[in-house]
Amino acid sequence: MADLGHCGEIEKATDIQSIMECDISLTSGLIVDGKVVSSGKVLKKEEIKEILRA
């Protein structure tokens, strides 16, 4: 996030209950501002940057 000039919080969830509450059926998942933006694949750093730029 610092690469993009953003401040924010990053949290890694490993508890299956927490993951299911976020409506992610396939891991890995990425949630930005409460919205699932990726699920079911491991994103590369550049892919995450592109999502955060949008």
N, C-alpha and C. Protein backbone atom coordinates (compact mmCIF):
# COMPACT_ATOMS: atom_id res chain seq x y z
N MET A 1 0.82 -1.18 0.00
CA MET A 1 0.00 0.00 0.00
C MET A 1 0.87 1.25 0.00
N ALA A 2 1.99 1.18 0.67
CA ALA A 2 2.88 2.33 0.69
C ALA A 2 3.40 2.64 -0.71
N ASP A 3 3.56 1.59 -1.55
CA ASP A 3 4.00 1.78 -2.93
C ASP A 3 3.05 2.69 -3.70
N LEU A 4 1.78 2.69 -3.30
CA LEU A 4 0.77 3.47 -4.00
C LEU A 4 0.44 4.78 -3.29
N GLY A 5 1.11 5.03 -2.16
CA GLY A 5 0.84 6.25 -1.41
C GLY A 5 -0.44 6.17 -0.60
N HIS A 6 -0.89 4.97 -0.27
CA HIS A 6 -2.11 4.77 0.51
C HIS A 6 -1.77 4.41 1.94
N CYS A 7 -2.64 4.83 2.83
CA CYS A 7 -2.60 4.35 4.21
C CYS A 7 -3.77 3.39 4.35
N GLY A 8 -3.60 2.37 5.11
CA GLY A 8 -4.70 1.44 5.29
C GLY A 8 -4.31 0.31 6.19
N GLU A 9 -5.23 -0.58 6.35
CA GLU A 9 -5.03 -1.73 7.22
C GLU A 9 -5.10 -3.00 6.40
N ILE A 10 -4.16 -3.88 6.62
CA ILE A 10 -4.16 -5.18 5.96
C ILE A 10 -4.32 -6.24 7.04
N GLU A 11 -5.26 -7.13 6.82
CA GLU A 11 -5.53 -8.19 7.78
C GLU A 11 -5.56 -9.53 7.08
N LYS A 12 -4.86 -10.48 7.64
CA LYS A 12 -4.86 -11.84 7.10
C LYS A 12 -5.81 -12.68 7.94
N ALA A 13 -6.83 -13.21 7.31
CA ALA A 13 -7.80 -14.05 8.01
C ALA A 13 -7.49 -15.51 7.72
N THR A 14 -7.36 -16.30 8.76
CA THR A 14 -7.12 -17.73 8.59
C THR A 14 -8.25 -18.55 9.20
N ASP A 15 -9.10 -17.91 9.98
CA ASP A 15 -10.23 -18.58 10.61
C ASP A 15 -11.33 -18.81 9.57
N ILE A 16 -11.70 -20.06 9.36
CA ILE A 16 -12.68 -20.40 8.32
C ILE A 16 -14.01 -19.68 8.53
N GLN A 17 -14.41 -19.47 9.76
CA GLN A 17 -15.67 -18.76 10.04
C GLN A 17 -15.61 -17.32 9.54
N SER A 18 -14.50 -16.65 9.80
CA SER A 18 -14.32 -15.27 9.32
C SER A 18 -14.35 -15.21 7.80
N ILE A 19 -13.71 -16.17 7.18
CA ILE A 19 -13.66 -16.21 5.71
C ILE A 19 -15.06 -16.42 5.14
N MET A 20 -15.81 -17.33 5.73
CA MET A 20 -17.17 -17.61 5.25
C MET A 20 -18.10 -16.42 5.47
N GLU A 21 -17.91 -15.69 6.55
CA GLU A 21 -18.72 -14.50 6.83
C GLU A 21 -18.51 -13.42 5.77
N CYS A 22 -17.36 -13.44 5.14
CA CYS A 22 -17.05 -12.45 4.09
C CYS A 22 -17.55 -12.92 2.73
N ASP A 23 -18.24 -14.06 2.68
CA ASP A 23 -18.80 -14.61 1.46
C ASP A 23 -17.73 -14.98 0.44
N ILE A 24 -16.62 -15.49 0.95
CA ILE A 24 -15.56 -16.00 0.08
C ILE A 24 -15.66 -17.52 0.10
N SER A 25 -15.98 -18.10 -1.04
CA SER A 25 -16.15 -19.55 -1.09
C SER A 25 -14.86 -20.27 -1.46
N LEU A 26 -13.96 -19.59 -2.14
CA LEU A 26 -12.67 -20.17 -2.53
C LEU A 26 -11.56 -19.26 -2.04
N THR A 27 -10.58 -19.82 -1.37
CA THR A 27 -9.46 -19.00 -0.93
C THR A 27 -8.37 -19.06 -1.99
N SER A 28 -7.60 -18.14 -2.10
CA SER A 28 -7.39 -16.89 -1.39
C SER A 28 -8.42 -15.87 -1.85
N GLY A 29 -8.67 -14.90 -1.00
CA GLY A 29 -9.61 -13.85 -1.34
C GLY A 29 -9.06 -12.49 -0.96
N LEU A 30 -9.54 -11.47 -1.63
CA LEU A 30 -9.14 -10.10 -1.34
C LEU A 30 -10.39 -9.26 -1.21
N ILE A 31 -10.50 -8.55 -0.09
CA ILE A 31 -11.63 -7.66 0.16
C ILE A 31 -11.09 -6.25 0.30
N VAL A 32 -11.68 -5.32 -0.44
CA VAL A 32 -11.30 -3.92 -0.36
C VAL A 32 -12.55 -3.13 -0.01
N ASP A 33 -12.48 -2.37 1.07
CA ASP A 33 -13.61 -1.56 1.53
C ASP A 33 -14.89 -2.38 1.67
N GLY A 34 -14.75 -3.59 2.20
CA GLY A 34 -15.90 -4.44 2.47
C GLY A 34 -16.45 -5.18 1.27
N LYS A 35 -15.82 -5.05 0.10
CA LYS A 35 -16.30 -5.70 -1.12
C LYS A 35 -15.28 -6.75 -1.58
N VAL A 36 -15.76 -7.96 -1.87
CA VAL A 36 -14.88 -9.01 -2.39
C VAL A 36 -14.48 -8.63 -3.81
N VAL A 37 -13.18 -8.45 -4.03
CA VAL A 37 -12.70 -8.06 -5.36
C VAL A 37 -11.95 -9.19 -6.05
N SER A 38 -11.62 -10.23 -5.30
CA SER A 38 -10.96 -11.40 -5.88
C SER A 38 -11.20 -12.59 -4.96
N SER A 39 -11.41 -13.74 -5.58
CA SER A 39 -11.61 -14.96 -4.82
C SER A 39 -11.16 -16.15 -5.66
N GLY A 40 -10.49 -17.09 -5.01
CA GLY A 40 -10.13 -18.33 -5.68
C GLY A 40 -8.80 -18.34 -6.39
N LYS A 41 -8.01 -17.29 -6.23
CA LYS A 41 -6.68 -17.32 -6.85
C LYS A 41 -5.72 -16.48 -6.03
N VAL A 42 -4.46 -16.83 -6.12
CA VAL A 42 -3.42 -16.07 -5.45
C VAL A 42 -2.98 -14.97 -6.41
N LEU A 43 -3.20 -13.74 -6.00
CA LEU A 43 -2.86 -12.60 -6.85
C LEU A 43 -1.38 -12.26 -6.74
N LYS A 44 -0.84 -11.81 -7.84
CA LYS A 44 0.53 -11.29 -7.85
C LYS A 44 0.51 -9.86 -7.33
N LYS A 45 1.65 -9.40 -6.86
CA LYS A 45 1.75 -8.04 -6.31
C LYS A 45 1.23 -7.00 -7.29
N GLU A 46 1.57 -7.13 -8.55
CA GLU A 46 1.13 -6.15 -9.56
C GLU A 46 -0.40 -6.20 -9.75
N GLU A 47 -1.00 -7.37 -9.64
CA GLU A 47 -2.45 -7.48 -9.76
C GLU A 47 -3.14 -6.78 -8.59
N ILE A 48 -2.58 -6.93 -7.40
CA ILE A 48 -3.16 -6.26 -6.23
C ILE A 48 -3.03 -4.75 -6.37
N LYS A 49 -1.87 -4.29 -6.84
CA LYS A 49 -1.69 -2.85 -7.06
C LYS A 49 -2.74 -2.31 -8.03
N GLU A 50 -3.00 -3.05 -9.10
CA GLU A 50 -3.98 -2.61 -10.10
C GLU A 50 -5.37 -2.51 -9.48
N ILE A 51 -5.73 -3.47 -8.66
CA ILE A 51 -7.04 -3.44 -7.99
C ILE A 51 -7.13 -2.23 -7.08
N LEU A 52 -6.07 -1.95 -6.33
CA LEU A 52 -6.09 -0.83 -5.39
C LEU A 52 -6.08 0.53 -6.10
N ARG A 53 -5.54 0.58 -7.31
CA ARG A 53 -5.54 1.83 -8.08
C ARG A 53 -6.94 2.19 -8.57
N ALA A 54 -7.75 1.18 -8.81
CA ALA A 54 -9.09 1.39 -9.40
C ALA A 54 -10.02 2.12 -8.45
